[in-house]
Amino acid sequence: NKEPLPYYALLLADGDRMGAVIDHQKNKDEHKQLSKALSDFAGKCRETVENHKGSLIYAGGDDVLALLPLHTVLDCAKELAGKFESSLDKFK
């Protein structure tokens, strides 16, 4: 069993302007597509966090909560932000 690293950071991420994005969807199908895109993003979070030697606590919609070592937290946050942007790039 591995020894835990002595310093950890709490990563809390919440997508920007999601209320406006949700409001901009004009019909049921667009809302479903947005919901699927958010679900797909959340499904990618565990692997991303674990690749940065962290532990995912929660990922749902545009929210992520994870524990990560200090030396990997910023790279993980950047990667998650990039995946979030690419997952939602077709939504205004």
PDB file of N, CA and C in Angstrom:
ATOM      1  N   ASN A   1       0.840  -1.185   0.000  1.00  0.00           N
ATOM      2  CA  ASN A   1       0.000   0.000   0.000  1.00  0.00           C
ATOM      3  C   ASN A   1       0.885   1.249   0.000  1.00  0.00           C
ATOM      4  N   LYS A   2       0.512   2.235  -0.806  1.00  0.00           N
ATOM      5  CA  LYS A   2       1.303   3.459  -0.925  1.00  0.00           C
ATOM      6  C   LYS A   2       1.037   4.390   0.241  1.00  0.00           C
ATOM      7  N   GLU A   3       2.088   5.081   0.641  1.00  0.00           N
ATOM      8  CA  GLU A   3       1.965   6.132   1.655  1.00  0.00           C
ATOM      9  C   GLU A   3       1.302   7.349   1.014  1.00  0.00           C
ATOM     10  N   PRO A   4       0.378   7.990   1.695  1.00  0.00           N
ATOM     11  CA  PRO A   4      -0.210   9.204   1.119  1.00  0.00           C
ATOM     12  C   PRO A   4       0.812  10.335   1.095  1.00  0.00           C
ATOM     13  N   LEU A   5       0.681  11.198   0.110  1.00  0.00           N
ATOM     14  CA  LEU A   5       1.538  12.371   0.042  1.00  0.00           C
ATOM     15  C   LEU A   5       1.155  13.325   1.172  1.00  0.00           C
ATOM     16  N   PRO A   6       2.112  14.044   1.741  1.00  0.00           N
ATOM     17  CA  PRO A   6       1.811  14.858   2.926  1.00  0.00           C
ATOM     18  C   PRO A   6       0.990  16.124   2.650  1.00  0.00           C
ATOM     19  N   TYR A   7       0.960  16.610   1.412  1.00  0.00           N
ATOM     20  CA  TYR A   7       0.237  17.852   1.118  1.00  0.00           C
ATOM     21  C   TYR A   7      -0.755  17.621  -0.005  1.00  0.00           C
ATOM     22  N   TYR A   8      -1.971  17.994   0.252  1.00  0.00           N
ATOM     23  CA  TYR A   8      -3.025  17.841  -0.742  1.00  0.00           C
ATOM     24  C   TYR A   8      -3.749  19.157  -0.938  1.00  0.00           C
ATOM     25  N   ALA A   9      -4.344  19.270  -2.100  1.00  0.00           N
ATOM     26  CA  ALA A   9      -5.165  20.438  -2.417  1.00  0.00           C
ATOM     27  C   ALA A   9      -6.581  19.950  -2.714  1.00  0.00           C
ATOM     28  N   LEU A  10      -7.539  20.763  -2.370  1.00  0.00           N
ATOM     29  CA  LEU A  10      -8.930  20.493  -2.697  1.00  0.00           C
ATOM     30  C   LEU A  10      -9.249  21.259  -3.975  1.00  0.00           C
ATOM     31  N   LEU A  11      -9.633  20.554  -5.004  1.00  0.00           N
ATOM     32  CA  LEU A  11      -9.995  21.179  -6.272  1.00  0.00           C
ATOM     33  C   LEU A  11     -11.510  21.211  -6.361  1.00  0.00           C
ATOM     34  N   LEU A  12     -12.062  22.398  -6.476  1.00  0.00           N
ATOM     35  CA  LEU A  12     -13.495  22.598  -6.639  1.00  0.00           C
ATOM     36  C   LEU A  12     -13.693  23.381  -7.923  1.00  0.00           C
ATOM     37  N   ALA A  13     -14.377  22.785  -8.870  1.00  0.00           N
ATOM     38  CA  ALA A  13     -14.600  23.427 -10.164  1.00  0.00           C
ATOM     39  C   ALA A  13     -16.096  23.523 -10.432  1.00  0.00           C
ATOM     40  N   ASP A  14     -16.490  24.644 -10.996  1.00  0.00           N
ATOM     41  CA  ASP A  14     -17.886  24.896 -11.317  1.00  0.00           C
ATOM     42  C   ASP A  14     -17.915  25.684 -12.619  1.00  0.00           C
ATOM     43  N   GLY A  15     -18.589  25.163 -13.634  1.00  0.00           N
ATOM     44  CA  GLY A  15     -18.619  25.805 -14.943  1.00  0.00           C
ATOM     45  C   GLY A  15     -19.201  27.208 -14.899  1.00  0.00           C
ATOM     46  N   ASP A  16     -18.591  28.105 -15.651  1.00  0.00           N
ATOM     47  CA  ASP A  16     -19.029  29.499 -15.695  1.00  0.00           C
ATOM     48  C   ASP A  16     -20.250  29.673 -16.588  1.00  0.00           C
ATOM     49  N   ARG A  17     -21.115  30.575 -16.175  1.00  0.00           N
ATOM     50  CA  ARG A  17     -22.265  31.015 -16.973  1.00  0.00           C
ATOM     51  C   ARG A  17     -23.181  29.878 -17.441  1.00  0.00           C
ATOM     52  N   MET A  18     -23.281  28.820 -16.651  1.00  0.00           N
ATOM     53  CA  MET A  18     -24.123  27.696 -17.063  1.00  0.00           C
ATOM     54  C   MET A  18     -25.601  28.072 -17.101  1.00  0.00           C
ATOM     55  N   GLY A  19     -26.032  28.961 -16.222  1.00  0.00           N
ATOM     56  CA  GLY A  19     -27.430  29.402 -16.260  1.00  0.00           C
ATOM     57  C   GLY A  19     -27.784  30.031 -17.593  1.00  0.00           C
ATOM     58  N   ALA A  20     -26.874  30.847 -18.112  1.00  0.00           N
ATOM     59  CA  ALA A  20     -27.102  31.486 -19.413  1.00  0.00           C
ATOM     60  C   ALA A  20     -27.105  30.458 -20.539  1.00  0.00           C
ATOM     61  N   VAL A  21     -26.221  29.474 -20.444  1.00  0.00           N
ATOM     62  CA  VAL A  21     -26.174  28.418 -21.463  1.00  0.00           C
ATOM     63  C   VAL A  21     -27.478  27.629 -21.456  1.00  0.00           C
ATOM     64  N   ILE A  22     -27.931  27.271 -20.279  1.00  0.00           N
ATOM     65  CA  ILE A  22     -29.186  26.521 -20.165  1.00  0.00           C
ATOM     66  C   ILE A  22     -30.341  27.347 -20.727  1.00  0.00           C
ATOM     67  N   ASP A  23     -30.411  28.614 -20.361  1.00  0.00           N
ATOM     68  CA  ASP A  23     -31.493  29.478 -20.835  1.00  0.00           C
ATOM     69  C   ASP A  23     -31.475  29.660 -22.346  1.00  0.00           C
ATOM     70  N   HIS A  24     -30.317  29.553 -22.962  1.00  0.00           N
ATOM     71  CA  HIS A  24     -30.191  29.775 -24.404  1.00  0.00           C
ATOM     72  C   HIS A  24     -30.705  28.603 -25.232  1.00  0.00           C
ATOM     73  N   GLN A  25     -30.866  27.435 -24.619  1.00  0.00           N
ATOM     74  CA  GLN A  25     -31.354  26.267 -25.355  1.00  0.00           C
ATOM     75  C   GLN A  25     -32.836  26.472 -25.658  1.00  0.00           C
ATOM     76  N   LYS A  26     -33.200  26.313 -26.932  1.00  0.00           N
ATOM     77  CA  LYS A  26     -34.526  26.708 -27.385  1.00  0.00           C
ATOM     78  C   LYS A  26     -35.598  25.633 -27.257  1.00  0.00           C
ATOM     79  N   ASN A  27     -35.191  24.385 -27.193  1.00  0.00           N
ATOM     80  CA  ASN A  27     -36.204  23.334 -27.160  1.00  0.00           C
ATOM     81  C   ASN A  27     -35.704  22.123 -26.366  1.00  0.00           C
ATOM     82  N   LYS A  28     -36.587  21.145 -26.248  1.00  0.00           N
ATOM     83  CA  LYS A  28     -36.301  19.951 -25.461  1.00  0.00           C
ATOM     84  C   LYS A  28     -35.070  19.197 -25.986  1.00  0.00           C
ATOM     85  N   ASP A  29     -34.937  19.086 -27.294  1.00  0.00           N
ATOM     86  CA  ASP A  29     -33.797  18.366 -27.873  1.00  0.00           C
ATOM     87  C   ASP A  29     -32.469  19.060 -27.557  1.00  0.00           C
ATOM     88  N   GLU A  30     -32.442  20.379 -27.625  1.00  0.00           N
ATOM     89  CA  GLU A  30     -31.219  21.119 -27.285  1.00  0.00           C
ATOM     90  C   GLU A  30     -30.870  20.941 -25.809  1.00  0.00           C
ATOM     91  N   HIS A  31     -31.884  20.918 -24.953  1.00  0.00           N
ATOM     92  CA  HIS A  31     -31.636  20.682 -23.526  1.00  0.00           C
ATOM     93  C   HIS A  31     -31.079  19.277 -23.303  1.00  0.00           C
ATOM     94  N   LYS A  32     -31.623  18.306 -24.041  1.00  0.00           N
ATOM     95  CA  LYS A  32     -31.117  16.928 -23.930  1.00  0.00           C
ATOM     96  C   LYS A  32     -29.663  16.837 -24.386  1.00  0.00           C
ATOM     97  N   GLN A  33     -29.336  17.526 -25.478  1.00  0.00           N
ATOM     98  CA  GLN A  33     -27.958  17.511 -25.980  1.00  0.00           C
ATOM     99  C   GLN A  33     -27.005  18.140 -24.973  1.00  0.00           C
ATOM    100  N   LEU A  34     -27.428  19.237 -24.360  1.00  0.00           N
ATOM    101  CA  LEU A  34     -26.613  19.891 -23.343  1.00  0.00           C
ATOM    102  C   LEU A  34     -26.429  18.963 -22.144  1.00  0.00           C
ATOM    103  N   SER A  35     -27.493  18.336 -21.718  1.00  0.00           N
ATOM    104  CA  SER A  35     -27.420  17.408 -20.587  1.00  0.00           C
ATOM    105  C   SER A  35     -26.468  16.257 -20.891  1.00  0.00           C
ATOM    106  N   LYS A  36     -26.531  15.726 -22.111  1.00  0.00           N
ATOM    107  CA  LYS A  36     -25.632  14.639 -22.502  1.00  0.00           C
ATOM    108  C   LYS A  36     -24.185  15.109 -22.518  1.00  0.00           C
ATOM    109  N   ALA A  37     -23.941  16.307 -23.025  1.00  0.00           N
ATOM    110  CA  ALA A  37     -22.575  16.841 -23.063  1.00  0.00           C
ATOM    111  C   ALA A  37     -22.024  17.001 -21.643  1.00  0.00           C
ATOM    112  N   LEU A  38     -22.850  17.490 -20.731  1.00  0.00           N
ATOM    113  CA  LEU A  38     -22.417  17.630 -19.338  1.00  0.00           C
ATOM    114  C   LEU A  38     -22.153  16.268 -18.700  1.00  0.00           C
ATOM    115  N   SER A  39     -23.008  15.303 -19.002  1.00  0.00           N
ATOM    116  CA  SER A  39     -22.819  13.949 -18.475  1.00  0.00           C
ATOM    117  C   SER A  39     -21.540  13.322 -19.021  1.00  0.00           C
ATOM    118  N   ASP A  40     -21.285  13.524 -20.310  1.00  0.00           N
ATOM    119  CA  ASP A  40     -20.057  12.996 -20.918  1.00  0.00           C
ATOM    120  C   ASP A  40     -18.819  13.619 -20.273  1.00  0.00           C
ATOM    121  N   PHE A  41     -18.871  14.927 -20.028  1.00  0.00           N
ATOM    122  CA  PHE A  41     -17.753  15.587 -19.356  1.00  0.00           C
ATOM    123  C   PHE A  41     -17.536  14.985 -17.975  1.00  0.00           C
ATOM    124  N   ALA A  42     -18.594  14.870 -17.199  1.00  0.00           N
ATOM    125  CA  ALA A  42     -18.481  14.329 -15.844  1.00  0.00           C
ATOM    126  C   ALA A  42     -17.908  12.915 -15.867  1.00  0.00           C
ATOM    127  N   GLY A  43     -18.259  12.150 -16.898  1.00  0.00           N
ATOM    128  CA  GLY A  43     -17.748  10.787 -17.025  1.00  0.00           C
ATOM    129  C   GLY A  43     -16.252  10.716 -17.290  1.00  0.00           C
ATOM    130  N   LYS A  44     -15.667  11.788 -17.797  1.00  0.00           N
ATOM    131  CA  LYS A  44     -14.228  11.831 -18.078  1.00  0.00           C
ATOM    132  C   LYS A  44     -13.402  12.286 -16.878  1.00  0.00           C
ATOM    133  N   CYS A  45     -14.060  12.807 -15.882  1.00  0.00           N
ATOM    134  CA  CYS A  45     -13.337  13.437 -14.771  1.00  0.00           C
ATOM    135  C   CYS A  45     -12.530  12.463 -13.924  1.00  0.00           C
ATOM    136  N   ARG A  46     -13.074  11.289 -13.611  1.00  0.00           N
ATOM    137  CA  ARG A  46     -12.355  10.342 -12.756  1.00  0.00           C
ATOM    138  C   ARG A  46     -10.996   9.989 -13.359  1.00  0.00           C
ATOM    139  N   GLU A  47     -10.991   9.632 -14.625  1.00  0.00           N
ATOM    140  CA  GLU A  47      -9.725   9.255 -15.266  1.00  0.00           C
ATOM    141  C   GLU A  47      -8.732  10.416 -15.250  1.00  0.00           C
ATOM    142  N   THR A  48      -9.222  11.606 -15.550  1.00  0.00           N
ATOM    143  CA  THR A  48      -8.351  12.778 -15.554  1.00  0.00           C
ATOM    144  C   THR A  48      -7.742  13.013 -14.182  1.00  0.00           C
ATOM    145  N   VAL A  49      -8.567  13.003 -13.146  1.00  0.00           N
ATOM    146  CA  VAL A  49      -8.087  13.234 -11.783  1.00  0.00           C
ATOM    147  C   VAL A  49      -7.106  12.137 -11.374  1.00  0.00           C
ATOM    148  N   GLU A  50      -7.440  10.892 -11.656  1.00  0.00           N
ATOM    149  CA  GLU A  50      -6.558   9.786 -11.275  1.00  0.00           C
ATOM    150  C   GLU A  50      -5.238   9.828 -12.034  1.00  0.00           C
ATOM    151  N   ASN A  51      -5.261  10.308 -13.278  1.00  0.00           N
ATOM    152  CA  ASN A  51      -4.011  10.448 -14.040  1.00  0.00           C
ATOM    153  C   ASN A  51      -3.084  11.485 -13.412  1.00  0.00           C
ATOM    154  N   HIS A  52      -3.650  12.349 -12.580  1.00  0.00           N
ATOM    155  CA  HIS A  52      -2.860  13.360 -11.882  1.00  0.00           C
ATOM    156  C   HIS A  52      -2.659  12.980 -10.409  1.00  0.00           C
ATOM    157  N   LYS A  53      -2.790  11.685 -10.139  1.00  0.00           N
ATOM    158  CA  LYS A  53      -2.545  11.110  -8.802  1.00  0.00           C
ATOM    159  C   LYS A  53      -3.515  11.625  -7.738  1.00  0.00           C
ATOM    160  N   GLY A  54      -4.739  11.948  -8.175  1.00  0.00           N
ATOM    161  CA  GLY A  54      -5.743  12.451  -7.250  1.00  0.00           C
ATOM    162  C   GLY A  54      -6.884  11.478  -7.043  1.00  0.00           C
ATOM    163  N   SER A  55      -7.826  11.896  -6.225  1.00  0.00           N
ATOM    164  CA  SER A  55      -9.030  11.117  -5.937  1.00  0.00           C
ATOM    165  C   SER A  55     -10.252  11.985  -6.202  1.00  0.00           C
ATOM    166  N   LEU A  56     -11.112  11.491  -7.065  1.00  0.00           N
ATOM    167  CA  LEU A  56     -12.341  12.207  -7.374  1.00  0.00           C
ATOM    168  C   LEU A  56     -13.353  11.956  -6.261  1.00  0.00           C
ATOM    169  N   ILE A  57     -13.926  13.028  -5.755  1.00  0.00           N
ATOM    170  CA  ILE A  57     -14.968  12.922  -4.743  1.00  0.00           C
ATOM    171  C   ILE A  57     -16.334  13.002  -5.408  1.00  0.00           C
ATOM    172  N   TYR A  58     -16.483  13.938  -6.347  1.00  0.00           N
ATOM    173  CA  TYR A  58     -17.766  14.138  -7.018  1.00  0.00           C
ATOM    174  C   TYR A  58     -17.534  14.754  -8.390  1.00  0.00           C
ATOM    175  N   ALA A  59     -18.281  14.271  -9.369  1.00  0.00           N
ATOM    176  CA  ALA A  59     -18.346  14.913 -10.683  1.00  0.00           C
ATOM    177  C   ALA A  59     -19.769  14.758 -11.190  1.00  0.00           C
ATOM    178  N   GLY A  60     -20.408  15.867 -11.455  1.00  0.00           N
ATOM    179  CA  GLY A  60     -21.763  15.843 -11.976  1.00  0.00           C
ATOM    180  C   GLY A  60     -22.066  17.157 -12.663  1.00  0.00           C
ATOM    181  N   GLY A  61     -22.565  17.066 -13.879  1.00  0.00           N
ATOM    182  CA  GLY A  61     -22.850  18.281 -14.640  1.00  0.00           C
ATOM    183  C   GLY A  61     -21.588  19.089 -14.826  1.00  0.00           C
ATOM    184  N   ASP A  62     -21.602  20.319 -14.361  1.00  0.00           N
ATOM    185  CA  ASP A  62     -20.433  21.196 -14.506  1.00  0.00           C
ATOM    186  C   ASP A  62     -19.619  21.290 -13.222  1.00  0.00           C
ATOM    187  N   ASP A  63     -19.933  20.460 -12.224  1.00  0.00           N
ATOM    188  CA  ASP A  63     -19.248  20.503 -10.929  1.00  0.00           C
ATOM    189  C   ASP A  63     -18.263  19.352 -10.761  1.00  0.00           C
ATOM    190  N   VAL A  64     -17.101  19.676 -10.204  1.00  0.00           N
ATOM    191  CA  VAL A  64     -16.074  18.670  -9.905  1.00  0.00           C
ATOM    192  C   VAL A  64     -15.498  18.982  -8.530  1.00  0.00           C
ATOM    193  N   LEU A  65     -15.326  17.947  -7.724  1.00  0.00           N
ATOM    194  CA  LEU A  65     -14.672  18.064  -6.431  1.00  0.00           C
ATOM    195  C   LEU A  65     -13.682  16.915  -6.326  1.00  0.00           C
ATOM    196  N   ALA A  66     -12.411  17.249  -6.055  1.00  0.00           N
ATOM    197  CA  ALA A  66     -11.371  16.228  -6.007  1.00  0.00           C
ATOM    198  C   ALA A  66     -10.268  16.631  -5.045  1.00  0.00           C
ATOM    199  N   LEU A  67      -9.544  15.638  -4.564  1.00  0.00           N
ATOM    200  CA  LEU A  67      -8.320  15.847  -3.782  1.00  0.00           C
ATOM    201  C   LEU A  67      -7.146  15.498  -4.664  1.00  0.00           C
ATOM    202  N   LEU A  68      -6.156  16.383  -4.698  1.00  0.00           N
ATOM    203  CA  LEU A  68      -4.977  16.147  -5.532  1.00  0.00           C
ATOM    204  C   LEU A  68      -3.722  16.589  -4.798  1.00  0.00           C
ATOM    205  N   PRO A  69      -2.585  15.949  -5.136  1.00  0.00           N
ATOM    206  CA  PRO A  69      -1.320  16.433  -4.587  1.00  0.00           C
ATOM    207  C   PRO A  69      -1.044  17.849  -5.101  1.00  0.00           C
ATOM    208  N   LEU A  70      -0.374  18.644  -4.284  1.00  0.00           N
ATOM    209  CA  LEU A  70      -0.090  20.023  -4.680  1.00  0.00           C
ATOM    210  C   LEU A  70       0.642  20.120  -6.008  1.00  0.00           C
ATOM    211  N   HIS A  71       1.552  19.182  -6.261  1.00  0.00           N
ATOM    212  CA  HIS A  71       2.375  19.290  -7.465  1.00  0.00           C
ATOM    213  C   HIS A  71       1.636  18.903  -8.748  1.00  0.00           C
ATOM    214  N   THR A  72       0.388  18.407  -8.658  1.00  0.00           N
ATOM    215  CA  THR A  72      -0.365  18.052  -9.869  1.00  0.00           C
ATOM    216  C   THR A  72      -1.678  18.806 -10.013  1.00  0.00           C
ATOM    217  N   VAL A  73      -2.093  19.532  -8.985  1.00  0.00           N
ATOM    218  CA  VAL A  73      -3.433  20.122  -8.989  1.00  0.00           C
ATOM    219  C   VAL A  73      -3.633  21.137 -10.111  1.00  0.00           C
ATOM    220  N   LEU A  74      -2.664  21.981 -10.380  1.00  0.00           N
ATOM    221  CA  LEU A  74      -2.853  22.996 -11.429  1.00  0.00           C
ATOM    222  C   LEU A  74      -2.936  22.380 -12.815  1.00  0.00           C
ATOM    223  N   ASP A  75      -2.094  21.381 -13.088  1.00  0.00           N
ATOM    224  CA  ASP A  75      -2.168  20.705 -14.383  1.00  0.00           C
ATOM    225  C   ASP A  75      -3.502  19.993 -14.547  1.00  0.00           C
ATOM    226  N   CYS A  76      -3.990  19.383 -13.481  1.00  0.00           N
ATOM    227  CA  CYS A  76      -5.284  18.710 -13.527  1.00  0.00           C
ATOM    228  C   CYS A  76      -6.395  19.719 -13.788  1.00  0.00           C
ATOM    229  N   ALA A  77      -6.367  20.843 -13.094  1.00  0.00           N
ATOM    230  CA  ALA A  77      -7.389  21.873 -13.285  1.00  0.00           C
ATOM    231  C   ALA A  77      -7.393  22.367 -14.735  1.00  0.00           C
ATOM    232  N   LYS A  78      -6.221  22.565 -15.306  1.00  0.00           N
ATOM    233  CA  LYS A  78      -6.127  23.013 -16.703  1.00  0.00           C
ATOM    234  C   LYS A  78      -6.698  21.965 -17.652  1.00  0.00           C
ATOM    235  N   GLU A  79      -6.374  20.693 -17.394  1.00  0.00           N
ATOM    236  CA  GLU A  79      -6.883  19.628 -18.264  1.00  0.00           C
ATOM    237  C   GLU A  79      -8.403  19.510 -18.141  1.00  0.00           C
ATOM    238  N   LEU A  80      -8.921  19.580 -16.926  1.00  0.00           N
ATOM    239  CA  LEU A  80     -10.375  19.528 -16.741  1.00  0.00           C
ATOM    240  C   LEU A  80     -11.052  20.707 -17.433  1.00  0.00           C
ATOM    241  N   ALA A  81     -10.484  21.892 -17.315  1.00  0.00           N
ATOM    242  CA  ALA A  81     -11.056  23.076 -17.967  1.00  0.00           C
ATOM    243  C   ALA A  81     -11.081  22.892 -19.484  1.00  0.00           C
ATOM    244  N   GLY A  82     -10.009  22.355 -20.038  1.00  0.00           N
ATOM    245  CA  GLY A  82      -9.967  22.110 -21.477  1.00  0.00           C
ATOM    246  C   GLY A  82     -11.008  21.098 -21.922  1.00  0.00           C
ATOM    247  N   LYS A  83     -11.169  20.041 -21.148  1.00  0.00           N
ATOM    248  CA  LYS A  83     -12.176  19.022 -21.484  1.00  0.00           C
ATOM    249  C   LYS A  83     -13.588  19.591 -21.344  1.00  0.00           C
ATOM    250  N   PHE A  84     -13.792  20.434 -20.348  1.00  0.00           N
ATOM    251  CA  PHE A  84     -15.103  21.060 -20.176  1.00  0.00           C
ATOM    252  C   PHE A  84     -15.410  21.950 -21.386  1.00  0.00           C
ATOM    253  N   GLU A  85     -14.454  22.782 -21.763  1.00  0.00           N
ATOM    254  CA  GLU A  85     -14.653  23.671 -22.913  1.00  0.00           C
ATOM    255  C   GLU A  85     -14.929  22.884 -24.191  1.00  0.00           C
ATOM    256  N   SER A  86     -14.169  21.835 -24.422  1.00  0.00           N
ATOM    257  CA  SER A  86     -14.375  21.066 -25.654  1.00  0.00           C
ATOM    258  C   SER A  86     -15.696  20.291 -25.618  1.00  0.00           C
ATOM    259  N   SER A  87     -16.117  19.863 -24.428  1.00  0.00           N
ATOM    260  CA  SER A  87     -17.397  19.152 -24.312  1.00  0.00           C
ATOM    261  C   SER A  87     -18.582  20.058 -24.618  1.00  0.00           C
ATOM    262  N   LEU A  88     -18.409  21.357 -24.336  1.00  0.00           N
ATOM    263  CA  LEU A  88     -19.534  22.294 -24.503  1.00  0.00           C
ATOM    264  C   LEU A  88     -19.297  23.308 -25.602  1.00  0.00           C
ATOM    265  N   ASP A  89     -18.340  23.067 -26.488  1.00  0.00           N
ATOM    266  CA  ASP A  89     -17.968  24.067 -27.486  1.00  0.00           C
ATOM    267  C   ASP A  89     -19.089  24.400 -28.468  1.00  0.00           C
ATOM    268  N   LYS A  90     -20.054  23.509 -28.655  1.00  0.00           N
ATOM    269  CA  LYS A  90     -21.130  23.823 -29.604  1.00  0.00           C
ATOM    270  C   LYS A  90     -22.320  24.533 -28.962  1.00  0.00           C
ATOM    271  N   PHE A  91     -22.236  24.780 -27.660  1.00  0.00           N
ATOM    272  CA  PHE A  91     -23.332  25.473 -26.963  1.00  0.00           C
ATOM    273  C   PHE A  91     -22.925  26.906 -26.673  1.00  0.00           C
ATOM    274  N   LYS A  92     -23.870  27.826 -26.855  1.00  0.00           N
ATOM    275  CA  LYS A  92     -23.604  29.251 -26.606  1.00  0.00           C
ATOM    276  C   LYS A  92     -23.735  29.538 -25.130  1.00  0.00           C
TER     277      LYS A  92
END
